[in-house]
Amino acid sequence: MKIIAISDTHIKQGSILEQIPAELVRLIKGADIVIHAGDFVTKQAYDELSGICRLEAVHGNMDEPALKRLLPARKVIELDSLRLGIIHEAALSIQDTTGARYMAKEMEVDVLIFGHIHKPVIEKSDVLLACPGSPTAPRLSEPSAIEFSIEDGNISGKVLALEGTRCGALESIREFGKSD
């Protein structure tokens, strides 16, 4: 089973399919399930994405009221004997996933997929924590998503670096100290 996880698309107007990388649109169309961990922003973006794939989603802090009424704040789905939790805000910082681990334990899941920090994370301890980052508004990273594969009750995955606008802070960090 192939799963694509995304988050924080932040589509304020227009078509989500025209604003996320074309490579990601192809992956979404070929996936068995797409998981979106919140911050579509508009219901139009949600409707468009749900029209082309099997979508499991939660709302984020930036989503318009119509989406917050439609989507839960957290969700648990079962796939091939694994419990996957989906939530928007689980980690309080991009450096510390302790809060996300406790959230996974509270939700009683094997895998927690979360958003909000706009930076990809895959961390394995007694649970698997995964933040797909953002394909449109990354922080201290490239645009990204996560591709998971589930076979015989085992999950594996990788961060997908996507084409698109990268975080401007990356250039600042790389250029610090250089003189003309």
C-alpha atoms as a PDB file:
ATOM      1  CA  MET A   1       0.000   0.000   0.000  1.00  0.00           C
ATOM      2  CA  LYS A   2       1.410   3.390  -1.017  1.00  0.00           C
ATOM      3  CA  ILE A   3       0.623   6.450   1.100  1.00  0.00           C
ATOM      4  CA  ILE A   4       1.590  10.049   0.427  1.00  0.00           C
ATOM      5  CA  ALA A   5       1.601  12.368   3.449  1.00  0.00           C
ATOM      6  CA  ILE A   6       1.473  16.140   3.039  1.00  0.00           C
ATOM      7  CA  SER A   7       0.727  19.100   5.244  1.00  0.00           C
ATOM      8  CA  ASP A   8       0.713  22.874   5.337  1.00  0.00           C
ATOM      9  CA  THR A   9      -0.164  23.483   1.702  1.00  0.00           C
ATOM     10  CA  HIS A  10      -1.545  26.929   2.649  1.00  0.00           C
ATOM     11  CA  ILE A  11      -3.580  27.484  -0.523  1.00  0.00           C
ATOM     12  CA  LYS A  12      -5.283  30.845   0.052  1.00  0.00           C
ATOM     13  CA  GLN A  13      -6.936  31.018  -3.370  1.00  0.00           C
ATOM     14  CA  GLY A  14      -6.972  29.163  -6.647  1.00  0.00           C
ATOM     15  CA  SER A  15      -6.253  25.557  -7.479  1.00  0.00           C
ATOM     16  CA  ILE A  16      -4.196  23.400  -5.119  1.00  0.00           C
ATOM     17  CA  LEU A  17      -3.208  21.216  -8.085  1.00  0.00           C
ATOM     18  CA  GLU A  18      -1.666  24.214  -9.830  1.00  0.00           C
ATOM     19  CA  GLN A  19       0.219  25.402  -6.743  1.00  0.00           C
ATOM     20  CA  ILE A  20       1.822  22.233  -5.443  1.00  0.00           C
ATOM     21  CA  PRO A  21       4.703  20.704  -7.435  1.00  0.00           C
ATOM     22  CA  ALA A  22       3.610  18.705 -10.519  1.00  0.00           C
ATOM     23  CA  GLU A  23       5.698  15.769  -9.275  1.00  0.00           C
ATOM     24  CA  LEU A  24       3.604  15.700  -6.086  1.00  0.00           C
ATOM     25  CA  VAL A  25       0.343  15.789  -8.068  1.00  0.00           C
ATOM     26  CA  ARG A  26       1.520  12.674  -9.971  1.00  0.00           C
ATOM     27  CA  LEU A  27       2.433  10.912  -6.703  1.00  0.00           C
ATOM     28  CA  ILE A  28      -0.934  11.801  -5.161  1.00  0.00           C
ATOM     29  CA  LYS A  29      -2.817  10.426  -8.152  1.00  0.00           C
ATOM     30  CA  GLY A  30      -0.839   7.166  -7.924  1.00  0.00           C
ATOM     31  CA  ALA A  31      -1.215   6.687  -4.173  1.00  0.00           C
ATOM     32  CA  ASP A  32      -3.645   4.348  -2.452  1.00  0.00           C
ATOM     33  CA  ILE A  33      -4.221   6.960   0.267  1.00  0.00           C
ATOM     34  CA  VAL A  34      -3.213  10.586   0.755  1.00  0.00           C
ATOM     35  CA  ILE A  35      -2.925  11.937   4.288  1.00  0.00           C
ATOM     36  CA  HIS A  36      -3.079  15.702   4.803  1.00  0.00           C
ATOM     37  CA  ALA A  37      -2.135  16.880   8.298  1.00  0.00           C
ATOM     38  CA  GLY A  38      -3.921  20.224   8.132  1.00  0.00           C
ATOM     39  CA  ASP A  39      -3.603  23.794   6.904  1.00  0.00           C
ATOM     40  CA  PHE A  40      -5.211  23.484   3.494  1.00  0.00           C
ATOM     41  CA  VAL A  41      -6.516  27.007   4.352  1.00  0.00           C
ATOM     42  CA  THR A  42      -9.540  26.895   2.008  1.00  0.00           C
ATOM     43  CA  LYS A  43     -12.330  24.372   1.662  1.00  0.00           C
ATOM     44  CA  GLN A  44     -11.842  24.679  -2.109  1.00  0.00           C
ATOM     45  CA  ALA A  45      -8.324  23.219  -1.745  1.00  0.00           C
ATOM     46  CA  TYR A  46      -9.690  20.341   0.354  1.00  0.00           C
ATOM     47  CA  ASP A  47     -12.534  19.667  -2.094  1.00  0.00           C
ATOM     48  CA  GLU A  48     -10.205  19.660  -5.090  1.00  0.00           C
ATOM     49  CA  LEU A  49      -7.715  17.284  -3.472  1.00  0.00           C
ATOM     50  CA  SER A  50     -10.415  14.942  -2.171  1.00  0.00           C
ATOM     51  CA  GLY A  51     -11.812  14.795  -5.711  1.00  0.00           C
ATOM     52  CA  ILE A  52      -8.679  13.106  -7.109  1.00  0.00           C
ATOM     53  CA  CYS A  53      -7.675  10.675  -4.338  1.00  0.00           C
ATOM     54  CA  ARG A  54      -8.705   8.810  -1.233  1.00  0.00           C
ATOM     55  CA  LEU A  55      -8.006  11.522   1.318  1.00  0.00           C
ATOM     56  CA  GLU A  56      -7.694  11.248   5.089  1.00  0.00           C
ATOM     57  CA  ALA A  57      -7.328  14.681   6.678  1.00  0.00           C
ATOM     58  CA  VAL A  58      -7.561  16.847   9.768  1.00  0.00           C
ATOM     59  CA  HIS A  59      -7.927  20.596  10.024  1.00  0.00           C
ATOM     60  CA  GLY A  60      -5.090  22.933  10.936  1.00  0.00           C
ATOM     61  CA  ASN A  61      -4.901  26.207  12.813  1.00  0.00           C
ATOM     62  CA  MET A  62      -5.010  28.288   9.593  1.00  0.00           C
ATOM     63  CA  ASP A  63      -7.976  26.505   8.001  1.00  0.00           C
ATOM     64  CA  GLU A  64     -11.138  28.495   7.360  1.00  0.00           C
ATOM     65  CA  PRO A  65     -14.149  27.874   9.616  1.00  0.00           C
ATOM     66  CA  ALA A  66     -15.944  25.687   7.032  1.00  0.00           C
ATOM     67  CA  LEU A  67     -13.016  23.239   7.104  1.00  0.00           C
ATOM     68  CA  LYS A  68     -12.786  23.291  10.881  1.00  0.00           C
ATOM     69  CA  ARG A  69     -16.451  22.264  11.002  1.00  0.00           C
ATOM     70  CA  LEU A  70     -15.943  19.552   8.359  1.00  0.00           C
ATOM     71  CA  LEU A  71     -12.661  17.980   9.512  1.00  0.00           C
ATOM     72  CA  PRO A  72     -11.657  16.702  12.956  1.00  0.00           C
ATOM     73  CA  ALA A  73      -8.684  18.083  14.893  1.00  0.00           C
ATOM     74  CA  ARG A  74      -7.298  14.563  15.194  1.00  0.00           C
ATOM     75  CA  LYS A  75      -8.029  11.254  13.566  1.00  0.00           C
ATOM     76  CA  VAL A  76      -6.949   7.612  13.837  1.00  0.00           C
ATOM     77  CA  ILE A  77      -7.087   5.246  10.875  1.00  0.00           C
ATOM     78  CA  GLU A  78      -6.175   1.553  10.733  1.00  0.00           C
ATOM     79  CA  LEU A  79      -4.233   0.225   7.775  1.00  0.00           C
ATOM     80  CA  ASP A  80      -2.948  -3.347   7.579  1.00  0.00           C
ATOM     81  CA  SER A  81      -2.986  -3.809  11.388  1.00  0.00           C
ATOM     82  CA  LEU A  82      -1.201  -0.464  12.002  1.00  0.00           C
ATOM     83  CA  ARG A  83      -2.843   2.455  13.782  1.00  0.00           C
ATOM     84  CA  LEU A  84      -1.953   5.814  12.200  1.00  0.00           C
ATOM     85  CA  GLY A  85      -2.758   9.038  13.982  1.00  0.00           C
ATOM     86  CA  ILE A  86      -3.184  12.314  12.133  1.00  0.00           C
ATOM     87  CA  ILE A  87      -3.030  15.704  13.856  1.00  0.00           C
ATOM     88  CA  HIS A  88      -1.894  19.166  12.864  1.00  0.00           C
ATOM     89  CA  GLU A  89      -0.116  20.472  15.958  1.00  0.00           C
ATOM     90  CA  ALA A  90       1.843  17.805  17.834  1.00  0.00           C
ATOM     91  CA  ALA A  91       5.367  19.180  18.229  1.00  0.00           C
ATOM     92  CA  LEU A  92       6.039  22.544  19.821  1.00  0.00           C
ATOM     93  CA  SER A  93       9.276  23.207  17.985  1.00  0.00           C
ATOM     94  CA  ILE A  94      11.179  22.061  14.930  1.00  0.00           C
ATOM     95  CA  GLN A  95      13.969  20.711  17.159  1.00  0.00           C
ATOM     96  CA  ASP A  96      12.037  18.806  19.840  1.00  0.00           C
ATOM     97  CA  THR A  97       9.551  16.015  19.090  1.00  0.00           C
ATOM     98  CA  THR A  98       8.882  15.085  22.721  1.00  0.00           C
ATOM     99  CA  GLY A  99       5.363  16.532  22.551  1.00  0.00           C
ATOM    100  CA  ALA A 100       4.626  14.561  19.373  1.00  0.00           C
ATOM    101  CA  ARG A 101       5.755  11.331  21.024  1.00  0.00           C
ATOM    102  CA  TYR A 102       3.443  11.956  23.983  1.00  0.00           C
ATOM    103  CA  MET A 103       0.612  12.771  21.569  1.00  0.00           C
ATOM    104  CA  ALA A 104       1.181   9.446  19.783  1.00  0.00           C
ATOM    105  CA  LYS A 105       1.002   7.646  23.121  1.00  0.00           C
ATOM    106  CA  GLU A 106      -2.188   9.524  24.076  1.00  0.00           C
ATOM    107  CA  MET A 107      -3.786   8.621  20.727  1.00  0.00           C
ATOM    108  CA  GLU A 108      -2.579   4.996  21.098  1.00  0.00           C
ATOM    109  CA  VAL A 109      -1.076   4.867  17.598  1.00  0.00           C
ATOM    110  CA  ASP A 110       1.918   3.168  16.031  1.00  0.00           C
ATOM    111  CA  VAL A 111       2.554   6.098  13.678  1.00  0.00           C
ATOM    112  CA  LEU A 112       1.794   9.779  14.208  1.00  0.00           C
ATOM    113  CA  ILE A 113       1.644  12.033  11.160  1.00  0.00           C
ATOM    114  CA  PHE A 114       1.622  15.711  12.057  1.00  0.00           C
ATOM    115  CA  GLY A 115       2.128  19.114  10.468  1.00  0.00           C
ATOM    116  CA  HIS A 116       2.484  22.725  11.600  1.00  0.00           C
ATOM    117  CA  ILE A 117       6.292  22.939  11.738  1.00  0.00           C
ATOM    118  CA  HIS A 118       6.731  23.042   7.916  1.00  0.00           C
ATOM    119  CA  LYS A 119       9.926  20.971   8.129  1.00  0.00           C
ATOM    120  CA  PRO A 120      10.132  17.244   7.383  1.00  0.00           C
ATOM    121  CA  VAL A 121      10.804  14.871  10.267  1.00  0.00           C
ATOM    122  CA  ILE A 122      10.923  11.095  10.470  1.00  0.00           C
ATOM    123  CA  GLU A 123      11.866   9.807  13.904  1.00  0.00           C
ATOM    124  CA  LYS A 124      11.571   6.245  15.161  1.00  0.00           C
ATOM    125  CA  SER A 125      11.533   5.210  18.804  1.00  0.00           C
ATOM    126  CA  ASP A 126       8.747   3.120  20.288  1.00  0.00           C
ATOM    127  CA  VAL A 127       6.468   4.975  17.829  1.00  0.00           C
ATOM    128  CA  LEU A 128       7.089   6.420  14.384  1.00  0.00           C
ATOM    129  CA  LEU A 129       6.766  10.216  14.217  1.00  0.00           C
ATOM    130  CA  ALA A 130       6.463  11.800  10.793  1.00  0.00           C
ATOM    131  CA  CYS A 131       5.996  15.384   9.676  1.00  0.00           C
ATOM    132  CA  PRO A 132       5.897  15.772   5.883  1.00  0.00           C
ATOM    133  CA  GLY A 133       6.957  19.418   6.004  1.00  0.00           C
ATOM    134  CA  SER A 134       5.330  21.635   3.393  1.00  0.00           C
ATOM    135  CA  PRO A 135       5.336  21.409  -0.397  1.00  0.00           C
ATOM    136  CA  THR A 136       4.608  25.141  -0.728  1.00  0.00           C
ATOM    137  CA  ALA A 137       5.903  26.961   2.379  1.00  0.00           C
ATOM    138  CA  PRO A 138       8.882  25.080   3.877  1.00  0.00           C
ATOM    139  CA  ARG A 139      10.800  26.258   6.954  1.00  0.00           C
ATOM    140  CA  LEU A 140      14.552  25.646   7.054  1.00  0.00           C
ATOM    141  CA  SER A 141      14.079  22.976   4.409  1.00  0.00           C
ATOM    142  CA  GLU A 142      13.241  22.210   0.811  1.00  0.00           C
ATOM    143  CA  PRO A 143       9.598  21.695  -0.249  1.00  0.00           C
ATOM    144  CA  SER A 144       8.691  18.168   0.846  1.00  0.00           C
ATOM    145  CA  ALA A 145       6.232  15.339   1.416  1.00  0.00           C
ATOM    146  CA  ILE A 146       6.604  11.785   2.754  1.00  0.00           C
ATOM    147  CA  GLU A 147       6.009   8.561   0.871  1.00  0.00           C
ATOM    148  CA  PHE A 148       5.114   5.538   3.007  1.00  0.00           C
ATOM    149  CA  SER A 149       4.794   1.918   2.037  1.00  0.00           C
ATOM    150  CA  ILE A 150       2.914  -0.603   4.157  1.00  0.00           C
ATOM    151  CA  GLU A 151       3.437  -4.307   3.503  1.00  0.00           C
ATOM    152  CA  ASP A 152       2.486  -7.188   5.802  1.00  0.00           C
ATOM    153  CA  GLY A 153       1.981  -4.859   8.774  1.00  0.00           C
ATOM    154  CA  ASN A 154       5.356  -3.145   8.336  1.00  0.00           C
ATOM    155  CA  ILE A 155       5.740   0.501   7.425  1.00  0.00           C
ATOM    156  CA  SER A 156       8.674   2.156   5.731  1.00  0.00           C
ATOM    157  CA  GLY A 157       9.008   5.635   4.353  1.00  0.00           C
ATOM    158  CA  LYS A 158      11.150   8.412   3.045  1.00  0.00           C
ATOM    159  CA  VAL A 159      11.083  12.173   2.807  1.00  0.00           C
ATOM    160  CA  LEU A 160      10.579  13.365  -0.747  1.00  0.00           C
ATOM    161  CA  ALA A 161      12.440  16.551  -1.665  1.00  0.00           C
ATOM    162  CA  LEU A 162      10.296  18.413  -4.187  1.00  0.00           C
ATOM    163  CA  GLU A 163      10.908  21.144  -6.717  1.00  0.00           C
ATOM    164  CA  GLY A 164       9.634  24.546  -5.731  1.00  0.00           C
ATOM    165  CA  THR A 165      10.277  27.572  -3.616  1.00  0.00           C
ATOM    166  CA  ARG A 166      12.645  26.788  -0.780  1.00  0.00           C
ATOM    167  CA  CYS A 167      12.907  28.499   2.558  1.00  0.00           C
ATOM    168  CA  GLY A 168      14.759  31.812   2.175  1.00  0.00           C
ATOM    169  CA  ALA A 169      16.538  31.227   5.482  1.00  0.00           C
ATOM    170  CA  LEU A 170      18.486  28.372   3.855  1.00  0.00           C
ATOM    171  CA  GLU A 171      20.217  30.858   1.568  1.00  0.00           C
ATOM    172  CA  SER A 172      20.930  33.191   4.492  1.00  0.00           C
ATOM    173  CA  ILE A 173      22.498  30.350   6.462  1.00  0.00           C
ATOM    174  CA  ARG A 174      24.602  29.228   3.499  1.00  0.00           C
ATOM    175  CA  GLU A 175      25.713  32.767   2.721  1.00  0.00           C
ATOM    176  CA  PHE A 176      26.499  33.901   6.257  1.00  0.00           C
ATOM    177  CA  GLY A 177      30.014  35.256   6.566  1.00  0.00           C
ATOM    178  CA  LYS A 178      30.686  35.528   2.861  1.00  0.00           C
ATOM    179  CA  SER A 179      31.913  38.856   1.545  1.00  0.00           C
ATOM    180  CA  ASP A 180      31.596  40.240  -1.960  1.00  0.00           C
END
